Amino acid sequence: MIAEFAASWPLFHNAYLSGWLIGVLLALTGVGVVARNQIFIGAAVAQASTLGIALGMWVGAALGEPFSTEHAHGALSFVGVLFAVAAALLTAGAREGAHEATTGWVFLACASLAILVLAHSPHGLEEINHLVSSSIIGATRADVWLFGGLAALAAAAVLAARERIILFAVDPAMAAAVGMRTVRWRAGLAAWLGLVVGLSMRATGLLYTFGCLVLPVLVAIALCRETRALFLVAPAVALATGIAGFVLANHFDDPPGQMTVALQSVALAAAWVVRLRRR
């Protein structure tokens, strides 16, 4: 099995490295999301990115721009990120008590509109289905550098402001009381979430993006006794399940994104069992 994976490395190494880096990046980002009990904001932001891409494709088709050109690919990615950031800011700015309702509205509205926009475009619907499923095999060397840089930036931010991030996520009222500008923190973290999810969506698909955003963090929460440890355990879980998932997917000829998310789901179930036994 390992030998088969090693043999595939020269052909798919960009996809493997991109997938692992995206998993680490999303897990680091997901700590703040899950700690604030906003798990489904990731799905809503991902669907908003899908809507942006669908609208970009609709405009491109009207202008006669093929979907497959490099220029069109970059433009679609840019529009998808813009919509993801806008959705994250919208949900973050919802008043207290209305956050879940706003998140649900964003998810349902964007999911339905994305299909309706391209309902009469067979190639467009195929692209939307491609986004919903894992598409990580098409990752390039540019994706490796992009997500490697973003992961390094996220790790540096965590090292520099870990305590403040934890305080804001767990107790925003206390964060405001000690002088943190919570409005700016909320907007900044939302914009970062939109950027990361929007870029990851285009590279890996909705399932892998949403799975790596929340499942490794939930595993870490079940295993860790201290909140600060989540920033170490969650990325480690994402990386370990990513490596195992890609090796197994290559051996059984299965989609790597789905295999990885399935392993993360199994890991979460096992972590819940461990927590129950510990109690």
Protein backbone atom coordinates (compact mmCIF):
# COMPACT_ATOMS: atom_id res chain seq x y z
CA MET A 1 0.00 0.00 0.00
CA ILE A 2 2.77 2.45 0.94
CA ALA A 3 4.77 1.43 -2.11
CA GLU A 4 1.77 2.12 -4.35
CA PHE A 5 1.36 5.56 -2.80
CA ALA A 6 5.05 6.33 -3.25
CA ALA A 7 4.81 5.31 -6.89
CA SER A 8 1.96 7.77 -7.42
CA TRP A 9 3.87 10.63 -5.78
CA PRO A 10 5.57 12.02 -8.94
CA LEU A 11 2.19 12.35 -10.66
CA PHE A 12 -0.01 13.56 -7.80
CA HIS A 13 2.37 15.17 -5.30
CA ASN A 14 0.88 18.64 -5.83
CA ALA A 15 -2.57 17.31 -4.99
CA TYR A 16 -1.30 15.46 -1.92
CA LEU A 17 0.64 18.42 -0.54
CA SER A 18 -2.19 20.86 -1.27
CA GLY A 19 -4.73 18.62 0.44
CA TRP A 20 -2.62 18.24 3.58
CA LEU A 21 -1.83 21.95 3.78
CA ILE A 22 -5.49 22.85 3.28
CA GLY A 23 -6.44 20.42 6.06
CA VAL A 24 -3.99 22.03 8.50
CA LEU A 25 -5.08 25.53 7.49
CA LEU A 26 -8.78 24.76 7.87
CA ALA A 27 -8.25 23.02 11.22
CA LEU A 28 -6.41 26.05 12.61
CA THR A 29 -9.18 28.32 11.34
CA GLY A 30 -11.90 25.99 12.58
CA VAL A 31 -10.81 26.25 16.23
CA GLY A 32 -12.29 29.73 16.46
CA VAL A 33 -15.40 28.69 14.54
CA VAL A 34 -16.18 25.63 16.67
CA ALA A 35 -15.24 27.33 19.95
CA ARG A 36 -17.89 29.97 19.21
CA ASN A 37 -20.51 27.28 18.44
CA GLN A 38 -20.78 28.42 14.82
CA ILE A 39 -20.08 25.09 13.15
CA PHE A 40 -22.47 25.48 10.23
CA ILE A 41 -21.14 28.87 9.22
CA GLY A 42 -18.51 26.96 7.25
CA ALA A 43 -21.15 25.23 5.15
CA ALA A 44 -22.99 28.51 4.59
CA VAL A 45 -19.81 30.30 3.51
CA ALA A 46 -18.90 27.42 1.19
CA GLN A 47 -22.33 27.58 -0.46
CA ALA A 48 -21.94 31.35 -0.88
CA SER A 49 -18.65 30.69 -2.67
CA THR A 50 -20.47 28.21 -4.92
CA LEU A 51 -23.07 30.85 -5.75
CA GLY A 52 -20.35 33.35 -6.63
CA ILE A 53 -18.71 30.84 -8.96
CA ALA A 54 -22.08 30.03 -10.53
CA LEU A 55 -22.79 33.71 -11.19
CA GLY A 56 -19.30 34.15 -12.60
CA MET A 57 -19.85 31.21 -14.94
CA TRP A 58 -23.21 32.60 -16.02
CA VAL A 59 -21.65 35.97 -16.85
CA GLY A 60 -18.74 34.26 -18.57
CA ALA A 61 -21.07 32.19 -20.72
CA ALA A 62 -22.99 35.34 -21.69
CA LEU A 63 -19.69 36.94 -22.74
CA GLY A 64 -18.53 33.84 -24.60
CA GLU A 65 -15.68 33.06 -22.16
CA PRO A 66 -14.99 29.28 -21.90
CA PHE A 67 -14.88 27.87 -18.39
CA SER A 68 -11.64 25.99 -19.00
CA THR A 69 -9.35 28.93 -19.81
CA GLU A 70 -6.80 30.01 -17.21
CA HIS A 71 -8.20 33.54 -17.17
CA ALA A 72 -11.72 32.29 -16.51
CA HIS A 73 -10.49 29.91 -13.80
CA GLY A 74 -8.75 32.74 -11.95
CA ALA A 75 -11.74 35.06 -12.30
CA LEU A 76 -14.13 32.40 -10.97
CA SER A 77 -11.89 31.75 -7.98
CA PHE A 78 -11.76 35.48 -7.24
CA VAL A 79 -15.53 35.86 -7.39
CA GLY A 80 -16.00 32.77 -5.23
CA VAL A 81 -13.71 34.20 -2.56
CA LEU A 82 -15.53 37.55 -2.65
CA PHE A 83 -18.90 35.88 -2.08
CA ALA A 84 -17.44 33.72 0.69
CA VAL A 85 -16.00 36.73 2.51
CA ALA A 86 -19.27 38.65 2.10
CA ALA A 87 -21.27 35.73 3.53
CA ALA A 88 -18.89 35.35 6.47
CA LEU A 89 -19.14 39.06 7.27
CA LEU A 90 -22.94 38.93 6.96
CA THR A 91 -23.29 36.04 9.38
CA ALA A 92 -20.72 37.51 11.78
CA GLY A 93 -22.62 40.80 11.86
CA ALA A 94 -25.95 39.19 12.74
CA ARG A 95 -27.38 40.37 16.04
CA GLU A 96 -27.23 38.15 19.11
CA GLY A 97 -29.76 35.34 18.88
CA ALA A 98 -30.19 35.61 15.11
CA HIS A 99 -26.88 34.10 14.06
CA GLU A 100 -28.19 30.59 13.42
CA ALA A 101 -31.16 31.93 11.46
CA THR A 102 -28.88 34.09 9.31
CA THR A 103 -26.50 31.19 8.72
CA GLY A 104 -29.38 28.93 7.67
CA TRP A 105 -30.76 31.58 5.34
CA VAL A 106 -27.37 32.12 3.68
CA PHE A 107 -26.89 28.38 3.21
CA LEU A 108 -30.32 27.69 1.71
CA ALA A 109 -30.50 30.83 -0.42
CA CYS A 110 -27.03 30.31 -1.93
CA ALA A 111 -27.51 26.57 -2.46
CA SER A 112 -30.77 27.05 -4.34
CA LEU A 113 -29.71 30.10 -6.34
CA ALA A 114 -26.48 28.44 -7.49
CA ILE A 115 -28.51 25.66 -9.13
CA LEU A 116 -31.13 28.01 -10.57
CA VAL A 117 -28.54 30.29 -12.15
CA LEU A 118 -27.07 27.39 -14.14
CA ALA A 119 -30.19 25.24 -14.49
CA HIS A 120 -30.14 25.55 -18.29
CA SER A 121 -26.40 25.11 -18.68
CA PRO A 122 -25.40 21.41 -18.64
CA HIS A 123 -21.70 22.23 -18.35
CA GLY A 124 -22.44 24.70 -15.57
CA LEU A 125 -24.34 22.14 -13.51
CA GLU A 126 -21.48 19.71 -14.02
CA GLU A 127 -19.09 22.30 -12.60
CA ILE A 128 -21.33 22.89 -9.58
CA ASN A 129 -21.47 19.15 -8.93
CA HIS A 130 -17.69 19.12 -9.26
CA LEU A 131 -17.45 21.77 -6.54
CA VAL A 132 -19.79 19.94 -4.20
CA SER A 133 -17.73 16.76 -4.50
CA SER A 134 -13.98 16.56 -3.92
CA SER A 135 -11.85 17.87 -6.78
CA ILE A 136 -8.44 17.89 -5.10
CA ILE A 137 -6.70 15.80 -7.78
CA GLY A 138 -6.53 18.90 -9.99
CA ALA A 139 -4.41 20.91 -7.54
CA THR A 140 -1.30 22.58 -8.94
CA ARG A 141 2.11 23.71 -7.67
CA ALA A 142 0.66 27.21 -7.27
CA ASP A 143 -1.91 25.76 -4.87
CA VAL A 144 0.88 24.21 -2.81
CA TRP A 145 2.63 27.56 -2.43
CA LEU A 146 -0.60 29.43 -1.82
CA PHE A 147 -1.92 27.16 0.92
CA GLY A 148 1.52 26.64 2.39
CA GLY A 149 1.84 30.40 2.80
CA LEU A 150 -1.65 30.73 4.28
CA ALA A 151 -1.01 27.86 6.71
CA ALA A 152 2.26 29.48 7.82
CA LEU A 153 0.47 32.81 8.26
CA ALA A 154 -2.29 31.19 10.32
CA ALA A 155 0.27 29.40 12.52
CA ALA A 156 2.17 32.64 13.08
CA ALA A 157 -1.06 34.44 14.03
CA VAL A 158 -1.93 31.70 16.50
CA LEU A 159 1.52 31.88 18.10
CA ALA A 160 1.29 35.66 18.40
CA ALA A 161 -2.32 35.98 19.62
CA ARG A 162 -3.44 32.57 20.84
CA GLU A 163 -4.70 33.75 24.23
CA ARG A 164 -6.66 36.62 22.73
CA ILE A 165 -8.19 34.38 20.08
CA ILE A 166 -9.29 31.92 22.77
CA LEU A 167 -10.70 34.68 24.96
CA PHE A 168 -12.65 36.22 22.10
CA ALA A 169 -14.00 32.84 20.97
CA VAL A 170 -14.98 31.60 24.42
CA ASP A 171 -16.07 34.82 26.17
CA PRO A 172 -16.46 37.86 23.89
CA ALA A 173 -17.99 39.90 26.70
CA MET A 174 -14.87 39.44 28.82
CA ALA A 175 -12.73 40.18 25.77
CA ALA A 176 -14.50 43.51 25.38
CA ALA A 177 -14.14 44.21 29.10
CA VAL A 178 -10.35 43.81 28.97
CA GLY A 179 -10.06 46.19 26.03
CA MET A 180 -10.20 43.99 22.94
CA ARG A 181 -12.01 45.63 20.03
CA THR A 182 -14.44 42.79 19.50
CA VAL A 183 -16.13 44.32 16.45
CA ARG A 184 -12.83 44.42 14.60
CA TRP A 185 -11.91 40.95 15.80
CA ARG A 186 -15.25 39.60 14.63
CA ALA A 187 -14.89 41.22 11.20
CA GLY A 188 -11.26 40.18 10.83
CA LEU A 189 -11.86 36.54 11.74
CA ALA A 190 -14.94 36.43 9.50
CA ALA A 191 -12.98 37.84 6.56
CA TRP A 192 -10.21 35.30 7.16
CA LEU A 193 -12.76 32.48 7.31
CA GLY A 194 -14.31 33.61 4.04
CA LEU A 195 -10.90 33.84 2.36
CA VAL A 196 -9.76 30.41 3.52
CA VAL A 197 -13.04 28.64 2.75
CA GLY A 198 -13.44 30.37 -0.62
CA LEU A 199 -9.95 29.36 -1.77
CA SER A 200 -10.24 25.84 -0.36
CA MET A 201 -13.62 25.31 -2.03
CA ARG A 202 -12.18 25.91 -5.47
CA ALA A 203 -9.27 23.55 -4.84
CA THR A 204 -10.88 20.66 -2.93
CA GLY A 205 -14.68 20.91 -3.01
CA LEU A 206 -17.31 21.54 -0.37
CA LEU A 207 -17.17 18.20 1.47
CA TYR A 208 -13.42 18.23 2.14
CA THR A 209 -13.47 21.93 3.04
CA PHE A 210 -16.31 21.69 5.52
CA GLY A 211 -15.06 18.39 6.94
CA CYS A 212 -11.53 19.66 7.63
CA LEU A 213 -12.92 22.88 9.09
CA VAL A 214 -14.93 21.23 11.87
CA LEU A 215 -14.19 17.50 12.31
CA PRO A 216 -10.52 17.72 13.45
CA VAL A 217 -11.49 20.44 15.93
CA LEU A 218 -14.33 18.34 17.32
CA VAL A 219 -11.90 15.43 17.74
CA ALA A 220 -9.49 17.73 19.57
CA ILE A 221 -12.24 19.06 21.84
CA ALA A 222 -13.20 15.51 22.80
CA LEU A 223 -9.59 14.63 23.67
CA CYS A 224 -8.13 17.83 25.13
CA ARG A 225 -8.61 19.24 28.61
CA GLU A 226 -7.31 22.74 27.76
CA THR A 227 -8.52 25.05 25.02
CA ARG A 228 -5.05 26.18 23.99
CA ALA A 229 -4.15 22.57 23.11
CA LEU A 230 -6.76 22.62 20.34
CA PHE A 231 -4.41 24.64 18.13
CA LEU A 232 -1.92 21.75 18.21
CA VAL A 233 -4.18 18.71 18.27
CA ALA A 234 -6.68 19.81 15.59
CA PRO A 235 -4.05 20.40 12.85
CA ALA A 236 -2.31 17.16 13.85
CA VAL A 237 -5.58 15.25 13.45
CA ALA A 238 -6.21 16.91 10.08
CA LEU A 239 -2.72 16.02 8.85
CA ALA A 240 -2.80 12.44 10.15
CA THR A 241 -6.22 11.66 8.70
CA GLY A 242 -5.25 13.40 5.48
CA ILE A 243 -2.16 11.25 5.01
CA ALA A 244 -4.01 8.07 5.92
CA GLY A 245 -6.98 9.02 3.75
CA PHE A 246 -4.86 9.74 0.69
CA VAL A 247 -2.89 6.49 1.07
CA LEU A 248 -6.08 4.44 1.42
CA ALA A 249 -7.80 6.28 -1.43
CA ASN A 250 -4.86 5.60 -3.72
CA HIS A 251 -4.85 1.90 -2.76
CA PHE A 252 -8.59 1.36 -3.20
CA ASP A 253 -8.95 3.84 -6.09
CA ASP A 254 -11.45 5.98 -4.14
CA PRO A 255 -11.86 9.78 -4.00
CA PRO A 256 -9.28 11.13 -1.50
CA GLY A 257 -11.50 13.87 -0.11
CA GLN A 258 -14.35 11.55 0.78
CA MET A 259 -11.95 8.98 2.24
CA THR A 260 -10.31 11.60 4.45
CA VAL A 261 -13.61 12.98 5.74
CA ALA A 262 -14.81 9.43 6.44
CA LEU A 263 -11.67 8.78 8.51
CA GLN A 264 -12.18 12.05 10.38
CA SER A 265 -15.75 10.99 11.16
CA VAL A 266 -14.50 7.64 12.48
CA ALA A 267 -11.85 9.45 14.52
CA LEU A 268 -14.53 11.68 16.05
CA ALA A 269 -16.66 8.69 17.00
CA ALA A 270 -13.61 7.05 18.61
CA ALA A 271 -12.79 10.29 20.46
CA TRP A 272 -16.32 10.40 21.86
CA VAL A 273 -15.92 6.83 23.13
CA VAL A 274 -12.61 7.77 24.77
CA ARG A 275 -14.22 10.77 26.44
CA LEU A 276 -17.09 8.65 27.78
CA ARG A 277 -14.67 6.06 29.18
CA ARG A 278 -12.61 8.84 30.75
CA ARG A 279 -15.70 10.15 32.54
